[in-house]
């Protein structure tokens, strides 16, 4: 999506400095989304790695403070409230969903006895691609025009199904009405400009007309769009501003439509990363959430997933089929094929995989190696240490320059508690050893291969805990002869 405002909007932004009249934002988020065929509220369905509503709130909080945002909730109100409570926004509940006008009536009631904001900007909680620049543009246009109502519009390739905005004259900002698709006359069917459902209002003028709304329509609801004609009839100024791209103001009524928005958001995220110096081979095969950041000169191969709040530094290489979620990778990290990282931290120069699994609270040190089929959980692996093959390291603190052999297991769970294994610097743990926590292997100690270690090992000591080998010469020859004697003759 384009990120540069057209000259008119740019001029408005430049002529309106940071000091603005009082402005608040209301976000409509009460609807059920029946056509989604889902138990989840519509605004909690996810694209780009987070719920629709959180995308809208994120854009809005770049324009006003969270305390100046009111989210109007209704269907599954408590679920929605819990999902976004951490954002710091306020809530108004629309217990019965009787339309967009009814939602704003509940907002008006919430301001009873209080001083409402001078201006109110209304956003839709299911329009996740709206950009902060566009919100700022409609705010500034509304103020510059001294309008009672400003409508954000769009011109999609196919306007069918959307309400149309009728202007007083071509090229003029003034609007005469918003007409729903079902009410369009044959002559109006070709009107290209649609209503986005995003508005700015002079709050006093809006509230003065809210109670005049009626349900005399096909759905028996109070339509906020009817306010436009009321204000025009009252000789108030109603204007429209087109969005730069239609997709920015489109919502979704089906899962398929939602996935189109998800694809658009992810494509925009990938394009932004590539513009900042990240190489993404076959970006259409990658799943990159909108909050992910990647440093320049990092290479992302096909079929990689970067999810949640993942942060990747510069000069890294993320090889195909790796899934990295909510993790922090420093510079010059190599993630080989098929690795899974969840809430892990990886320092400069570390090498992971292939097929390593870093579970939450894994902290991999500088130039450390975590290799084939190694699983870590709540582990600190020191600088230059290596666990290259087929190991499980859980609840462990491992120093620098330590070597963990193939098949080593830290036995951290005793059936009741998780216990910690502490391994010092320069320790050698031989292959196929089990370390029964709580346990301490001091600096420079050795553990012989195949040992089961249950007691702490002092510095520079060798721990050997395995049964004595017994060798019986000629046993195999005698056994084969005995088996041959038992076979019947041909």
Protein backbone atom coordinates (compact mmCIF):
# COMPACT_ATOMS: atom_id res chain seq x y z
CA UNK A 1 0.00 0.00 0.00
CA UNK A 2 1.12 3.51 -0.72
CA UNK A 3 2.51 5.37 2.25
CA UNK A 4 2.86 8.83 0.70
CA UNK A 5 -0.08 11.21 1.10
CA UNK A 6 -1.41 12.99 -1.95
CA UNK A 7 -0.45 16.69 -2.26
CA UNK A 8 -3.75 17.97 -0.81
CA UNK A 9 -3.48 15.78 2.30
CA UNK A 10 0.22 16.54 2.71
CA UNK A 11 -0.53 20.24 2.57
CA UNK A 12 -3.22 19.88 5.23
CA UNK A 13 -0.86 17.97 7.52
CA UNK A 14 1.90 20.56 7.11
CA UNK A 15 -0.48 23.43 7.83
CA UNK A 16 -1.84 21.81 11.00
CA UNK A 17 0.93 21.44 13.57
CA UNK A 18 0.90 19.14 16.58
CA UNK A 19 -1.41 21.40 18.57
CA UNK A 20 -4.94 20.24 17.60
CA UNK A 21 -8.42 20.96 18.91
CA UNK A 22 -9.80 18.29 21.21
CA UNK A 23 -10.31 15.10 19.26
CA UNK A 24 -11.39 11.63 20.42
CA UNK A 25 -11.78 8.36 18.54
CA UNK A 26 -14.63 5.86 18.81
CA UNK A 27 -14.11 2.37 17.39
CA UNK A 28 -17.13 0.26 16.47
CA UNK A 29 -16.56 -3.29 17.72
CA UNK A 30 -19.96 -4.59 18.84
CA UNK A 31 -20.97 -6.71 15.84
CA UNK A 32 -21.20 -10.49 15.72
CA UNK A 33 -20.03 -11.15 12.17
CA UNK A 34 -22.69 -13.75 11.40
CA UNK A 35 -21.39 -14.54 7.92
CA UNK A 36 -18.06 -15.69 9.35
CA UNK A 37 -19.80 -18.80 10.75
CA UNK A 38 -17.61 -18.53 13.83
CA UNK A 39 -18.09 -18.46 17.60
CA UNK A 40 -15.41 -15.79 17.94
CA UNK A 41 -16.40 -12.12 17.76
CA UNK A 42 -15.56 -10.73 14.34
CA UNK A 43 -13.08 -8.15 15.64
CA UNK A 44 -11.03 -10.88 17.37
CA UNK A 45 -10.35 -12.81 14.18
CA UNK A 46 -6.70 -12.41 13.24
CA UNK A 47 -4.79 -11.17 10.24
CA UNK A 48 -1.11 -10.31 10.17
CA UNK A 49 -0.62 -12.04 13.51
CA UNK A 50 -3.09 -10.16 15.71
CA UNK A 51 -6.84 -9.46 15.99
CA UNK A 52 -8.48 -7.03 13.58
CA UNK A 53 -9.37 -4.70 16.42
CA UNK A 54 -5.80 -4.47 17.70
CA UNK A 55 -4.62 -3.31 14.26
CA UNK A 56 -7.18 -0.50 14.36
CA UNK A 57 -6.25 0.47 17.92
CA UNK A 58 -2.55 0.47 17.00
CA UNK A 59 -3.24 2.92 14.16
CA UNK A 60 -5.50 5.09 16.34
CA UNK A 61 -2.99 5.35 19.20
CA UNK A 62 -0.53 6.98 16.83
CA UNK A 63 -3.02 9.85 16.48
CA UNK A 64 -4.48 10.22 19.99
CA UNK A 65 -3.61 8.85 23.42
CA UNK A 66 -5.27 5.56 24.49
CA UNK A 67 -7.34 7.41 27.08
CA UNK A 68 -8.95 9.36 24.21
CA UNK A 69 -10.12 6.17 22.49
CA UNK A 70 -13.47 4.52 23.25
CA UNK A 71 -14.22 1.04 21.93
CA UNK A 72 -17.91 0.25 21.60
CA UNK A 73 -18.35 -3.45 22.42
CA UNK A 74 -21.43 -5.68 22.38
CA UNK A 75 -21.34 -9.27 21.14
CA UNK A 76 -19.16 -11.30 23.54
CA UNK A 77 -18.32 -8.01 25.20
CA UNK A 78 -16.23 -9.46 28.02
CA UNK A 79 -14.14 -11.55 25.64
CA UNK A 80 -13.38 -8.47 23.54
CA UNK A 81 -12.68 -6.36 26.63
CA UNK A 82 -10.24 -8.95 27.98
CA UNK A 83 -8.43 -9.26 24.64
CA UNK A 84 -7.64 -5.53 24.40
CA UNK A 85 -7.63 -4.40 28.04
CA UNK A 86 -3.85 -3.97 28.01
CA UNK A 87 -4.09 -1.21 25.38
CA UNK A 88 -5.48 1.27 27.93
CA UNK A 89 -8.55 2.26 25.88
CA UNK A 90 -12.00 2.90 27.36
CA UNK A 91 -15.16 0.88 26.71
CA UNK A 92 -18.84 1.55 26.12
CA UNK A 93 -21.18 -1.42 25.89
CA UNK A 94 -23.95 -1.72 23.30
CA UNK A 95 -25.98 -4.47 24.96
CA UNK A 96 -28.37 -4.79 22.01
CA UNK A 97 -26.90 -4.43 18.56
CA UNK A 98 -29.40 -2.20 16.76
CA UNK A 99 -27.08 -0.65 14.19
CA UNK A 100 -24.25 1.85 13.93
CA UNK A 101 -26.43 4.81 14.91
CA UNK A 102 -27.55 2.94 18.01
CA UNK A 103 -23.90 2.30 18.92
CA UNK A 104 -23.13 6.03 18.88
CA UNK A 105 -26.30 6.67 20.88
CA UNK A 106 -24.77 4.49 23.64
CA UNK A 107 -21.63 6.61 23.43
CA UNK A 108 -23.70 9.78 23.78
CA UNK A 109 -25.40 8.30 26.84
CA UNK A 110 -22.00 7.56 28.36
CA UNK A 111 -21.12 11.25 28.12
CA UNK A 112 -24.27 12.26 30.03
CA UNK A 113 -23.27 14.86 32.62
CA UNK A 114 -19.77 15.09 31.17
CA UNK A 115 -18.17 17.33 28.57
CA UNK A 116 -17.77 15.37 25.33
CA UNK A 117 -14.82 15.97 22.99
CA UNK A 118 -15.24 18.78 20.47
CA UNK A 119 -14.69 16.37 17.59
CA UNK A 120 -15.24 12.66 17.27
CA UNK A 121 -13.61 10.37 14.74
CA UNK A 122 -15.43 7.05 14.18
CA UNK A 123 -13.46 3.99 13.03
CA UNK A 124 -14.57 0.41 12.33
CA UNK A 125 -12.98 -2.34 14.37
CA UNK A 126 -13.09 -4.70 11.40
CA UNK A 127 -11.16 -2.44 8.97
CA UNK A 128 -7.60 -3.44 9.92
CA UNK A 129 -5.61 -1.91 7.04
CA UNK A 130 -6.41 1.70 7.96
CA UNK A 131 -3.16 3.66 8.28
CA UNK A 132 -2.34 6.32 10.89
CA UNK A 133 -1.57 8.73 8.02
CA UNK A 134 -5.12 8.34 6.73
CA UNK A 135 -6.64 8.86 10.18
CA UNK A 136 -4.58 12.04 10.55
CA UNK A 137 -5.61 13.15 7.07
CA UNK A 138 -9.36 12.88 7.70
CA UNK A 139 -8.91 14.65 11.05
CA UNK A 140 -7.02 17.52 9.41
CA UNK A 141 -9.38 17.74 6.44
CA UNK A 142 -12.36 17.85 8.79
CA UNK A 143 -10.84 20.70 10.79
CA UNK A 144 -9.70 22.63 7.72
CA UNK A 145 -13.20 22.44 6.19
CA UNK A 146 -14.93 23.36 9.48
CA UNK A 147 -17.32 20.52 8.67
CA UNK A 148 -20.11 19.05 10.73
CA UNK A 149 -19.35 15.64 9.23
CA UNK A 150 -16.48 14.31 7.10
CA UNK A 151 -16.77 10.96 5.34
CA UNK A 152 -13.77 8.89 4.30
CA UNK A 153 -14.57 7.37 0.93
CA UNK A 154 -12.92 5.03 -1.57
CA UNK A 155 -13.26 4.08 -5.22
CA UNK A 156 -12.87 0.27 -5.48
CA UNK A 157 -12.85 -1.59 -8.79
CA UNK A 158 -16.31 -2.95 -8.03
CA UNK A 159 -18.46 -0.81 -5.73
CA UNK A 160 -21.40 -3.26 -5.72
CA UNK A 161 -22.69 -4.00 -2.23
CA UNK A 162 -21.45 -0.77 -0.67
CA UNK A 163 -23.32 2.39 0.23
CA UNK A 164 -22.54 5.25 -2.15
CA UNK A 165 -21.55 8.80 -1.35
CA UNK A 166 -23.37 11.36 -3.50
CA UNK A 167 -21.53 14.67 -3.93
CA UNK A 168 -23.18 18.00 -4.59
CA UNK A 169 -21.03 18.42 -7.70
CA UNK A 170 -18.15 16.48 -9.29
CA UNK A 171 -14.80 17.42 -7.77
CA UNK A 172 -16.38 19.30 -4.86
CA UNK A 173 -15.97 18.13 -1.26
CA UNK A 174 -19.61 18.74 -0.31
CA UNK A 175 -21.86 15.68 0.07
CA UNK A 176 -25.64 15.52 -0.21
CA UNK A 177 -26.29 12.00 1.12
CA UNK A 178 -25.09 8.44 1.70
CA UNK A 179 -27.34 5.90 -0.01
CA UNK A 180 -27.27 2.19 0.83
CA UNK A 181 -26.90 -0.28 -2.06
CA UNK A 182 -30.51 -1.51 -1.78
CA UNK A 183 -31.85 2.04 -1.98
CA UNK A 184 -29.88 3.18 -5.04
CA UNK A 185 -31.86 4.39 -8.03
CA UNK A 186 -30.88 3.01 -11.47
CA UNK A 187 -29.03 6.27 -12.19
CA UNK A 188 -27.11 6.03 -8.90
CA UNK A 189 -25.93 2.43 -9.44
CA UNK A 190 -22.96 3.70 -11.42
CA UNK A 191 -21.82 6.05 -8.63
CA UNK A 192 -18.21 4.91 -8.02
CA UNK A 193 -17.48 6.39 -4.59
CA UNK A 194 -18.28 4.19 -1.62
CA UNK A 195 -18.77 4.98 2.03
CA UNK A 196 -15.96 3.48 4.13
CA UNK A 197 -17.83 3.69 7.43
CA UNK A 198 -15.13 5.99 8.80
CA UNK A 199 -16.23 9.50 9.77
CA UNK A 200 -15.23 12.63 11.62
CA UNK A 201 -17.94 14.69 13.36
CA UNK A 202 -18.43 17.94 15.15
CA UNK A 203 -19.58 16.17 18.30
CA UNK A 204 -22.22 18.70 19.37
CA UNK A 205 -23.84 18.66 15.93
CA UNK A 206 -23.75 14.88 15.79
CA UNK A 207 -25.30 14.46 19.24
CA UNK A 208 -27.99 17.02 18.38
CA UNK A 209 -29.30 14.76 15.59
CA UNK A 210 -28.69 11.27 17.00
CA UNK A 211 -32.09 10.95 18.65
CA UNK A 212 -33.81 11.74 15.33
CA UNK A 213 -32.63 8.48 13.77
CA UNK A 214 -35.35 5.96 12.96
CA UNK A 215 -35.51 2.26 12.17
CA UNK A 216 -37.64 2.77 9.07
CA UNK A 217 -35.39 0.66 6.83
CA UNK A 218 -35.02 -2.90 5.57
CA UNK A 219 -33.06 -4.09 8.62
CA UNK A 220 -34.96 -2.15 11.29
CA UNK A 221 -31.75 -0.57 12.59
CA UNK A 222 -30.49 2.90 13.42
CA UNK A 223 -28.05 3.86 10.65
CA UNK A 224 -25.31 6.35 11.40
CA UNK A 225 -25.21 7.07 7.66
CA UNK A 226 -28.61 8.79 7.93
CA UNK A 227 -26.92 11.57 9.90
CA UNK A 228 -25.37 12.88 6.67
CA UNK A 229 -28.75 13.72 5.10
CA UNK A 230 -30.00 15.20 8.39
CA UNK A 231 -27.02 17.52 8.63
CA UNK A 232 -27.38 18.58 4.99
CA UNK A 233 -31.07 19.32 5.59
CA UNK A 234 -30.04 21.46 8.57
CA UNK A 235 -27.67 23.44 6.29
CA UNK A 236 -24.63 21.96 8.01
CA UNK A 237 -21.49 21.19 6.02
CA UNK A 238 -20.91 17.53 5.10
CA UNK A 239 -17.77 16.73 3.09
CA UNK A 240 -15.95 13.67 1.78
CA UNK A 241 -12.29 12.77 1.46
CA UNK A 242 -11.16 9.79 -0.68
CA UNK A 243 -8.64 7.33 0.73
CA UNK A 244 -5.50 6.77 -1.30
CA UNK A 245 -6.25 3.08 -1.86
CA UNK A 246 -9.58 1.30 -1.60
CA UNK A 247 -8.12 -1.77 0.14
CA UNK A 248 -7.18 0.41 3.11
CA UNK A 249 -10.83 0.88 4.09
CA UNK A 250 -12.22 -2.53 3.15
CA UNK A 251 -13.58 -4.87 5.80
CA UNK A 252 -14.30 -8.58 5.55
CA UNK A 253 -17.57 -10.45 5.96
CA UNK A 254 -16.26 -13.97 5.28
CA UNK A 255 -13.13 -15.89 6.22
CA UNK A 256 -12.09 -15.88 2.56
CA UNK A 257 -12.36 -12.08 2.40
CA UNK A 258 -10.42 -11.83 5.64
CA UNK A 259 -7.60 -13.91 4.20
CA UNK A 260 -7.39 -11.50 1.26
CA UNK A 261 -6.79 -8.71 3.77
CA UNK A 262 -4.25 -10.90 5.56
CA UNK A 263 -2.41 -11.48 2.28
CA UNK A 264 -2.40 -7.76 1.54
CA UNK A 265 -1.05 -6.92 4.99
CA UNK A 266 1.68 -9.56 4.82
CA UNK A 267 2.68 -8.47 1.32
CA UNK A 268 2.97 -4.90 2.58
CA UNK A 269 5.08 -6.07 5.54
CA UNK A 270 7.42 -8.02 3.26
CA UNK A 271 7.71 -5.07 0.87
CA UNK A 272 8.60 -2.75 3.74
CA UNK A 273 11.31 -5.14 4.99
CA UNK A 274 12.79 -5.51 1.51
CA UNK A 275 12.78 -1.73 1.07
CA UNK A 276 14.90 -1.58 4.24
CA UNK A 277 17.54 -3.99 2.94
CA UNK A 278 16.18 -7.43 3.85
CA UNK A 279 16.40 -10.14 1.18
CA UNK A 280 13.30 -12.35 1.08
CA UNK A 281 13.39 -15.13 -1.47
CA UNK A 282 9.89 -15.93 -2.72
CA UNK A 283 8.13 -13.59 -0.25
CA UNK A 284 4.74 -14.98 -1.29
CA UNK A 285 5.68 -18.26 0.45
CA UNK A 286 6.67 -16.64 3.75
CA UNK A 287 4.37 -15.81 6.66
CA UNK A 288 5.60 -12.61 8.32
CA UNK A 289 3.47 -10.93 10.98
CA UNK A 290 3.01 -7.18 10.89
CA UNK A 291 4.94 -6.50 14.13
CA UNK A 292 8.10 -8.37 13.03
CA UNK A 293 11.30 -6.37 12.51
CA UNK A 294 14.37 -7.55 10.59
CA UNK A 295 17.74 -5.81 10.15
CA UNK A 296 19.38 -5.06 6.80
CA UNK A 297 21.41 -7.70 4.95
CA UNK A 298 19.51 -10.53 6.59
CA UNK A 299 18.38 -13.25 4.19
CA UNK A 300 15.06 -15.02 4.59
CA UNK A 301 14.61 -18.14 2.51
CA UNK A 302 11.27 -19.51 1.17
CA UNK A 303 8.65 -20.99 3.50
CA UNK A 304 9.86 -19.23 6.65
CA UNK A 305 7.39 -18.05 9.31
CA UNK A 306 8.26 -15.02 11.47
CA UNK A 307 5.51 -14.53 14.02
CA UNK A 308 4.42 -12.28 16.87
CA UNK A 309 6.93 -9.77 18.20
CA UNK A 310 9.98 -11.39 16.65
CA UNK A 311 13.07 -9.19 16.26
CA UNK A 312 15.91 -10.29 13.98
CA UNK A 313 19.17 -8.40 13.62
CA UNK A 314 21.41 -7.74 10.63
CA UNK A 315 23.42 -10.19 8.51
CA UNK A 316 21.43 -13.22 9.65
CA UNK A 317 20.27 -16.10 7.49
CA UNK A 318 16.96 -17.83 8.19
CA UNK A 319 16.75 -21.00 6.17
CA UNK A 320 13.61 -22.62 4.78
CA UNK A 321 10.86 -24.13 6.94
CA UNK A 322 11.94 -22.44 10.16
CA UNK A 323 9.24 -21.01 12.44
CA UNK A 324 10.31 -18.20 14.78
CA UNK A 325 7.80 -16.73 17.22
CA UNK A 326 8.19 -13.92 19.78
CA UNK A 327 11.97 -14.36 19.74
CA UNK A 328 14.95 -12.01 19.65
CA UNK A 329 17.90 -12.79 17.37
CA UNK A 330 21.01 -10.59 17.35
CA UNK A 331 23.32 -10.06 14.37
CA UNK A 332 25.07 -12.75 12.26
CA UNK A 333 22.85 -15.57 13.50
CA UNK A 334 22.35 -18.62 11.27
CA UNK A 335 19.10 -20.53 11.64
CA UNK A 336 19.34 -23.67 9.56
CA UNK A 337 16.41 -25.51 8.04
CA UNK A 338 13.40 -26.57 10.07
CA UNK A 339 14.14 -24.88 13.39
CA UNK A 340 11.36 -23.87 15.78
CA UNK A 341 11.94 -20.96 18.18
CA UNK A 342 9.37 -19.78 20.71
CA UNK A 343 10.15 -16.87 23.05
CA UNK A 344 13.88 -17.46 22.77
CA UNK A 345 16.87 -15.11 22.80
CA UNK A 346 19.86 -15.74 20.53
CA UNK A 347 23.12 -13.74 20.73
CA UNK A 348 25.51 -12.64 17.97
CA UNK A 349 27.02 -15.30 15.77
CA UNK A 350 25.08 -18.26 17.15
CA UNK A 351 24.27 -21.19 14.85
CA UNK A 352 21.05 -23.15 15.24
CA UNK A 353 19.86 -26.37 13.68
CA UNK A 354 18.91 -27.92 11.45
CA UNK A 355 15.76 -29.00 13.28
CA UNK A 356 16.57 -27.46 16.64
CA UNK A 357 13.70 -26.62 18.99
CA UNK A 358 14.17 -23.64 21.31
CA UNK A 359 11.29 -23.45 23.77
CA UNK A 360 10.47 -20.44 26.00
CA UNK A 361 13.26 -18.87 28.06
CA UNK A 362 16.03 -20.37 25.98
CA UNK A 363 18.97 -17.94 25.99
CA UNK A 364 21.66 -18.93 23.50
CA UNK A 365 25.00 -17.16 23.95
CA UNK A 366 27.38 -15.55 21.50
CA UNK A 367 28.85 -17.98 18.93
CA UNK A 368 27.11 -20.92 20.61
CA UNK A 369 25.88 -23.90 18.57
CA UNK A 370 22.58 -25.72 19.04
CA UNK A 371 22.48 -28.50 16.49
CA UNK A 372 20.42 -31.31 14.98
CA UNK A 373 17.35 -32.31 16.96
CA UNK A 374 18.43 -30.51 20.13
CA UNK A 375 15.62 -29.23 22.34
CA UNK A 376 16.14 -26.49 24.92
CA UNK A 377 13.78 -25.06 27.52
CA UNK A 378 14.58 -22.44 30.17
CA UNK A 379 18.29 -22.78 29.39
CA UNK A 380 21.18 -20.33 29.36
CA UNK A 381 23.88 -21.62 27.00
CA UNK A 382 27.14 -19.71 27.40
CA UNK A 383 29.44 -18.11 24.85
CA UNK A 384 30.96 -20.59 22.43
CA UNK A 385 29.29 -23.61 24.01
CA UNK A 386 28.00 -26.43 21.82
CA UNK A 387 25.15 -28.91 21.96
CA UNK A 388 25.26 -30.29 18.46
CA UNK A 389 23.27 -33.52 18.43
CA UNK A 390 20.08 -35.09 19.78
CA UNK A 391 20.01 -33.59 23.28
CA UNK A 392 17.39 -32.28 25.71
CA UNK A 393 18.52 -29.38 27.89
CA UNK A 394 15.89 -28.13 30.30
CA UNK A 395 16.20 -25.85 33.37
CA UNK A 396 19.94 -25.54 32.99
CA UNK A 397 22.62 -22.87 33.25
CA UNK A 398 25.61 -23.76 31.06
CA UNK A 399 28.84 -21.76 31.05
CA UNK A 400 31.17 -20.73 28.23
CA UNK A 401 33.19 -23.09 26.07
CA UNK A 402 31.34 -26.20 27.25
CA UNK A 403 30.67 -29.21 25.02
CA UNK A 404 27.45 -31.19 25.41
CA UNK A 405 27.75 -34.56 23.64
CA UNK A 406 25.15 -36.35 21.54
CA UNK A 407 22.16 -37.72 23.40
CA UNK A 408 22.77 -35.85 26.67
CA UNK A 409 19.69 -35.25 28.81
CA UNK A 410 19.20 -32.99 31.81
CA UNK A 411 16.68 -34.83 33.96
CA UNK A 412 14.99 -31.73 35.35
CA UNK A 413 11.61 -33.06 36.56
CA UNK A 414 11.27 -35.35 39.57
CA UNK A 415 7.51 -35.77 39.24
CA UNK A 416 6.77 -32.81 41.52
CA UNK A 417 9.33 -30.04 40.96
CA UNK A 418 11.54 -28.74 38.17
CA UNK A 419 15.18 -28.76 39.26
CA UNK A 420 18.20 -26.93 37.85
CA UNK A 421 21.39 -28.33 36.37
CA UNK A 422 24.36 -25.95 36.59
CA UNK A 423 27.31 -26.63 34.29
CA UNK A 424 30.40 -24.45 34.49
CA UNK A 425 32.88 -23.18 31.91
CA UNK A 426 34.96 -25.56 29.80
CA UNK A 427 33.04 -28.67 30.85
CA UNK A 428 32.95 -31.80 28.66
CA UNK A 429 29.82 -33.94 28.92
CA UNK A 430 30.23 -37.21 27.02
CA UNK A 431 27.59 -38.63 24.72
CA UNK A 432 24.51 -40.42 26.03
CA UNK A 433 24.92 -39.11 29.57
CA UNK A 434 22.00 -38.33 31.85
CA UNK A 435 22.38 -35.50 34.36
CA UNK A 436 19.90 -35.90 37.22
CA UNK A 437 19.07 -32.50 38.70
CA UNK A 438 19.61 -30.74 41.02
CA UNK A 439 23.23 -31.02 40.00
CA UNK A 440 26.40 -28.96 39.58
CA UNK A 441 29.25 -29.74 37.20
CA UNK A 442 32.06 -27.35 38.13
CA UNK A 443 34.46 -25.65 35.74
CA UNK A 444 36.73 -27.91 33.69
CA UNK A 445 35.06 -31.15 34.80
CA UNK A 446 34.55 -34.18 32.56
CA UNK A 447 31.66 -36.63 32.38
CA UNK A 448 32.44 -39.93 30.69
CA UNK A 449 30.15 -41.06 27.87
CA UNK A 450 27.18 -43.18 28.91
CA UNK A 451 27.21 -41.97 32.53
CA UNK A 452 24.21 -41.34 34.78
CA UNK A 453 25.36 -38.50 37.04
CA UNK A 454 23.42 -38.01 40.28
CA UNK A 455 26.00 -36.15 42.38
CA UNK A 456 27.78 -32.87 41.77
CA UNK A 457 31.22 -33.03 40.15
CA UNK A 458 34.05 -30.78 41.40
CA UNK A 459 36.28 -28.70 39.15
CA UNK A 460 38.66 -30.59 36.84
CA UNK A 461 37.35 -33.98 38.01
CA UNK A 462 36.22 -36.93 35.89
CA UNK A 463 32.84 -38.45 36.70
CA UNK A 464 32.29 -41.99 35.51
CA UNK A 465 29.00 -43.71 36.33
CA UNK A 466 28.38 -46.82 34.27
CA UNK A 467 28.45 -50.58 34.85
CA UNK A 468 31.60 -52.63 34.29
CA UNK A 469 31.92 -54.19 30.84
CA UNK A 470 32.16 -57.99 30.63
CA UNK A 471 33.70 -59.60 27.52
CA UNK A 472 33.34 -63.38 26.78
CA UNK A 473 35.75 -64.57 24.06
CA UNK A 474 34.28 -67.03 21.51
CA UNK A 475 30.72 -66.61 22.81
CA UNK A 476 29.32 -65.60 19.40
CA UNK A 477 30.92 -68.60 17.63
CA UNK A 478 29.46 -71.04 20.15
CA UNK A 479 26.03 -69.43 19.92
CA UNK A 480 25.92 -69.68 16.13
CA UNK A 481 26.95 -73.33 16.24
CA UNK A 482 24.27 -74.10 18.80
CA UNK A 483 21.60 -72.43 16.66
CA UNK A 484 22.73 -74.35 13.56
CA UNK A 485 22.42 -77.68 15.42
CA UNK A 486 18.79 -76.97 16.23
CA UNK A 487 17.82 -76.47 12.56
CA UNK A 488 16.29 -79.55 10.79
CA UNK A 489 18.35 -81.07 7.95
CA UNK A 490 17.20 -80.37 4.42
